[in-house]
Amino acid sequence: MDLEAIKKEALEYEFLDLETLAQKVQELKNSGISFLACIAFVQFNQRISLAEARKLTLELAVYSDIEKKKIDDMNRLMYSEFEEE
């Protein structure tokens, strides 16, 4: 699923509450959608900034503590490499 398809689906998805949003993100994750694509879905659905969408996505009961640690480790690595250049 490309970004335009994610954006379209996010804009069409009716937000009811955080639990149903978590269920939708879980569905996307289970279908093989990447973490970044899930963030994009949340960002467009909630009409919030990328940073807010990342924070909210990690707060949803979708990712395990181990997955969250891996995500945070990759994020730190990315920033450290960026700062080196």
N, C-alpha and C. Protein backbone atom coordinates (compact mmCIF):
# COMPACT_ATOMS: atom_id res chain seq x y z
N MET A 1 0.86 -1.17 0.00
CA MET A 1 0.00 0.00 0.00
C MET A 1 0.90 1.23 0.00
N ASP A 2 0.70 2.12 -0.96
CA ASP A 2 1.52 3.32 -1.04
C ASP A 2 0.93 4.43 -0.17
N LEU A 3 1.66 5.54 -0.06
CA LEU A 3 1.27 6.63 0.82
C LEU A 3 -0.09 7.21 0.43
N GLU A 4 -0.35 7.33 -0.85
CA GLU A 4 -1.64 7.89 -1.28
C GLU A 4 -2.81 6.99 -0.86
N ALA A 5 -2.62 5.69 -0.96
CA ALA A 5 -3.68 4.75 -0.54
C ALA A 5 -3.87 4.81 0.97
N ILE A 6 -2.79 4.93 1.71
CA ILE A 6 -2.88 5.04 3.17
C ILE A 6 -3.60 6.33 3.54
N LYS A 7 -3.22 7.42 2.89
CA LYS A 7 -3.85 8.71 3.15
C LYS A 7 -5.35 8.66 2.86
N LYS A 8 -5.71 8.08 1.73
CA LYS A 8 -7.13 7.96 1.36
C LYS A 8 -7.90 7.14 2.38
N GLU A 9 -7.34 6.01 2.75
CA GLU A 9 -8.01 5.15 3.74
C GLU A 9 -8.14 5.86 5.08
N ALA A 10 -7.10 6.57 5.48
CA ALA A 10 -7.11 7.29 6.76
C ALA A 10 -8.18 8.37 6.77
N LEU A 11 -8.29 9.09 5.68
CA LEU A 11 -9.28 10.17 5.61
C LEU A 11 -10.71 9.64 5.55
N GLU A 12 -10.88 8.44 5.02
CA GLU A 12 -12.21 7.83 4.94
C GLU A 12 -12.59 7.09 6.22
N TYR A 13 -11.61 6.72 7.04
CA TYR A 13 -11.87 5.95 8.26
C TYR A 13 -12.51 6.85 9.31
N GLU A 14 -13.65 6.43 9.82
CA GLU A 14 -14.35 7.22 10.83
C GLU A 14 -13.78 6.92 12.21
N PHE A 15 -13.16 7.93 12.81
CA PHE A 15 -12.60 7.79 14.15
C PHE A 15 -13.72 7.80 15.18
N LEU A 16 -13.77 6.79 16.01
CA LEU A 16 -14.76 6.72 17.09
C LEU A 16 -14.11 6.99 18.43
N ASP A 17 -13.01 6.28 18.68
CA ASP A 17 -12.25 6.45 19.92
C ASP A 17 -10.88 5.80 19.74
N LEU A 18 -10.03 5.95 20.74
CA LEU A 18 -8.67 5.41 20.61
C LEU A 18 -8.65 3.89 20.51
N GLU A 19 -9.61 3.23 21.11
CA GLU A 19 -9.66 1.77 21.03
C GLU A 19 -9.91 1.30 19.59
N THR A 20 -10.85 1.94 18.92
CA THR A 20 -11.12 1.54 17.53
C THR A 20 -9.97 1.95 16.61
N LEU A 21 -9.32 3.08 16.92
CA LEU A 21 -8.15 3.47 16.14
C LEU A 21 -7.04 2.43 16.33
N ALA A 22 -6.85 1.97 17.54
CA ALA A 22 -5.85 0.93 17.82
C ALA A 22 -6.19 -0.35 17.06
N GLN A 23 -7.46 -0.71 17.00
CA GLN A 23 -7.86 -1.90 16.26
C GLN A 23 -7.53 -1.77 14.78
N LYS A 24 -7.77 -0.57 14.23
CA LYS A 24 -7.47 -0.33 12.82
C LYS A 24 -5.97 -0.40 12.56
N VAL A 25 -5.18 0.22 13.43
CA VAL A 25 -3.73 0.18 13.28
C VAL A 25 -3.23 -1.27 13.42
N GLN A 26 -3.81 -2.02 14.35
CA GLN A 26 -3.44 -3.44 14.50
C GLN A 26 -3.75 -4.20 13.22
N GLU A 27 -4.89 -3.92 12.62
CA GLU A 27 -5.28 -4.56 11.36
C GLU A 27 -4.26 -4.23 10.26
N LEU A 28 -3.87 -2.97 10.18
CA LEU A 28 -2.87 -2.57 9.19
C LEU A 28 -1.54 -3.27 9.45
N LYS A 29 -1.12 -3.28 10.70
CA LYS A 29 0.13 -3.93 11.08
C LYS A 29 0.09 -5.41 10.72
N ASN A 30 -1.01 -6.08 11.03
CA ASN A 30 -1.15 -7.51 10.75
C ASN A 30 -1.14 -7.81 9.25
N SER A 31 -1.51 -6.81 8.45
CA SER A 31 -1.51 -7.02 7.00
C SER A 31 -0.15 -6.73 6.38
N GLY A 32 0.83 -6.39 7.23
CA GLY A 32 2.19 -6.18 6.74
C GLY A 32 2.58 -4.73 6.53
N ILE A 33 1.71 -3.82 6.91
CA ILE A 33 2.02 -2.39 6.77
C ILE A 33 3.11 -2.02 7.78
N SER A 34 4.08 -1.25 7.34
CA SER A 34 5.21 -0.88 8.21
C SER A 34 4.78 0.09 9.32
N PHE A 35 5.66 0.22 10.31
CA PHE A 35 5.43 1.16 11.41
C PHE A 35 5.26 2.58 10.87
N LEU A 36 6.11 2.97 9.93
CA LEU A 36 6.03 4.32 9.37
C LEU A 36 4.71 4.54 8.64
N ALA A 37 4.22 3.53 7.96
CA ALA A 37 2.93 3.65 7.28
C ALA A 37 1.79 3.76 8.30
N CYS A 38 1.91 3.06 9.41
CA CYS A 38 0.90 3.18 10.47
C CYS A 38 0.89 4.59 11.05
N ILE A 39 2.09 5.16 11.21
CA ILE A 39 2.17 6.54 11.68
C ILE A 39 1.48 7.47 10.69
N ALA A 40 1.73 7.26 9.41
CA ALA A 40 1.10 8.09 8.38
C ALA A 40 -0.42 7.97 8.45
N PHE A 41 -0.92 6.75 8.65
CA PHE A 41 -2.36 6.55 8.77
C PHE A 41 -2.90 7.37 9.93
N VAL A 42 -2.28 7.28 11.10
CA VAL A 42 -2.73 8.01 12.28
C VAL A 42 -2.63 9.52 12.03
N GLN A 43 -1.55 9.96 11.42
CA GLN A 43 -1.37 11.38 11.15
C GLN A 43 -2.50 11.94 10.29
N PHE A 44 -2.81 11.26 9.20
CA PHE A 44 -3.86 11.75 8.31
C PHE A 44 -5.24 11.59 8.92
N ASN A 45 -5.47 10.50 9.64
CA ASN A 45 -6.78 10.29 10.26
C ASN A 45 -7.07 11.32 11.34
N GLN A 46 -6.07 11.62 12.13
CA GLN A 46 -6.26 12.54 13.25
C GLN A 46 -5.94 13.99 12.88
N ARG A 47 -5.34 14.17 11.70
CA ARG A 47 -4.95 15.51 11.23
C ARG A 47 -4.04 16.19 12.26
N ILE A 48 -2.95 15.48 12.57
CA ILE A 48 -1.98 15.97 13.56
C ILE A 48 -0.59 15.94 12.93
N SER A 49 0.37 16.53 13.63
CA SER A 49 1.74 16.55 13.13
C SER A 49 2.34 15.14 13.13
N LEU A 50 3.42 15.02 12.41
CA LEU A 50 4.13 13.74 12.34
C LEU A 50 4.61 13.32 13.73
N ALA A 51 5.17 14.25 14.49
CA ALA A 51 5.66 13.93 15.84
C ALA A 51 4.52 13.48 16.74
N GLU A 52 3.39 14.16 16.66
CA GLU A 52 2.23 13.77 17.48
C GLU A 52 1.72 12.40 17.05
N ALA A 53 1.73 12.14 15.75
CA ALA A 53 1.24 10.86 15.24
C ALA A 53 2.15 9.72 15.69
N ARG A 54 3.46 9.94 15.69
CA ARG A 54 4.40 8.91 16.16
C ARG A 54 4.14 8.61 17.63
N LYS A 55 4.00 9.66 18.42
CA LYS A 55 3.75 9.49 19.86
C LYS A 55 2.44 8.74 20.09
N LEU A 56 1.38 9.16 19.41
CA LEU A 56 0.08 8.52 19.58
C LEU A 56 0.11 7.06 19.13
N THR A 57 0.75 6.80 18.01
CA THR A 57 0.82 5.43 17.50
C THR A 57 1.51 4.52 18.50
N LEU A 58 2.58 5.00 19.12
CA LEU A 58 3.28 4.19 20.13
C LEU A 58 2.46 4.03 21.41
N GLU A 59 1.55 4.95 21.69
CA GLU A 59 0.71 4.85 22.88
C GLU A 59 -0.45 3.88 22.69
N LEU A 60 -0.81 3.58 21.45
CA LEU A 60 -1.90 2.63 21.19
C LEU A 60 -1.45 1.23 21.59
N ALA A 61 -2.37 0.43 22.03
CA ALA A 61 -2.06 -0.94 22.47
C ALA A 61 -1.89 -1.85 21.25
N VAL A 62 -0.87 -1.54 20.45
CA VAL A 62 -0.62 -2.30 19.22
C VAL A 62 0.77 -2.91 19.23
N TYR A 63 1.73 -2.16 19.70
CA TYR A 63 3.12 -2.59 19.68
C TYR A 63 3.54 -3.07 21.07
N SER A 64 4.25 -4.19 21.09
CA SER A 64 4.74 -4.75 22.36
C SER A 64 5.88 -3.89 22.88
N ASP A 65 6.24 -4.09 24.13
CA ASP A 65 7.37 -3.36 24.71
C ASP A 65 8.66 -3.64 23.94
N ILE A 66 8.83 -4.87 23.50
CA ILE A 66 10.02 -5.23 22.72
C ILE A 66 10.03 -4.48 21.39
N GLU A 67 8.88 -4.43 20.72
CA GLU A 67 8.79 -3.70 19.46
C GLU A 67 9.05 -2.20 19.67
N LYS A 68 8.49 -1.65 20.74
CA LYS A 68 8.70 -0.23 21.04
C LYS A 68 10.17 0.06 21.30
N LYS A 69 10.85 -0.85 21.99
CA LYS A 69 12.29 -0.67 22.25
C LYS A 69 13.07 -0.68 20.95
N LYS A 70 12.74 -1.61 20.06
CA LYS A 70 13.42 -1.67 18.76
C LYS A 70 13.18 -0.39 17.96
N ILE A 71 11.96 0.11 18.00
CA ILE A 71 11.62 1.35 17.30
C ILE A 71 12.42 2.51 17.87
N ASP A 72 12.47 2.61 19.19
CA ASP A 72 13.23 3.69 19.83
C ASP A 72 14.72 3.57 19.54
N ASP A 73 15.25 2.33 19.55
CA ASP A 73 16.66 2.13 19.24
C ASP A 73 16.98 2.57 17.81
N MET A 74 16.12 2.22 16.87
CA MET A 74 16.33 2.63 15.48
C MET A 74 16.23 4.14 15.34
N ASN A 75 15.32 4.75 16.06
CA ASN A 75 15.16 6.19 16.02
C ASN A 75 16.42 6.89 16.55
N ARG A 76 16.93 6.39 17.67
CA ARG A 76 18.16 6.96 18.23
C ARG A 76 19.34 6.79 17.27
N LEU A 77 19.44 5.62 16.65
CA LEU A 77 20.51 5.37 15.69
C LEU A 77 20.41 6.33 14.51
N MET A 78 19.21 6.53 14.01
CA MET A 78 19.01 7.44 12.89
C MET A 78 19.46 8.85 13.26
N TYR A 79 19.04 9.32 14.44
CA TYR A 79 19.42 10.67 14.87
C TYR A 79 20.93 10.78 15.09
N SER A 80 21.55 9.75 15.64
CA SER A 80 22.99 9.80 15.90
C SER A 80 23.76 9.86 14.57
N GLU A 81 23.30 9.12 13.57
CA GLU A 81 23.94 9.15 12.25
C GLU A 81 23.73 10.51 11.59
N PHE A 82 22.57 11.08 11.78
CA PHE A 82 22.27 12.40 11.23
C PHE A 82 23.17 13.45 11.85
N GLU A 83 23.36 13.38 13.17
CA GLU A 83 24.18 14.36 13.87
C GLU A 83 25.66 14.24 13.49
N GLU A 84 26.11 13.04 13.13
CA GLU A 84 27.50 12.83 12.74
C GLU A 84 27.81 13.53 11.43
N GLU A 85 26.83 13.62 10.54
CA GLU A 85 27.05 14.24 9.23
C GLU A 85 26.86 15.70 9.40
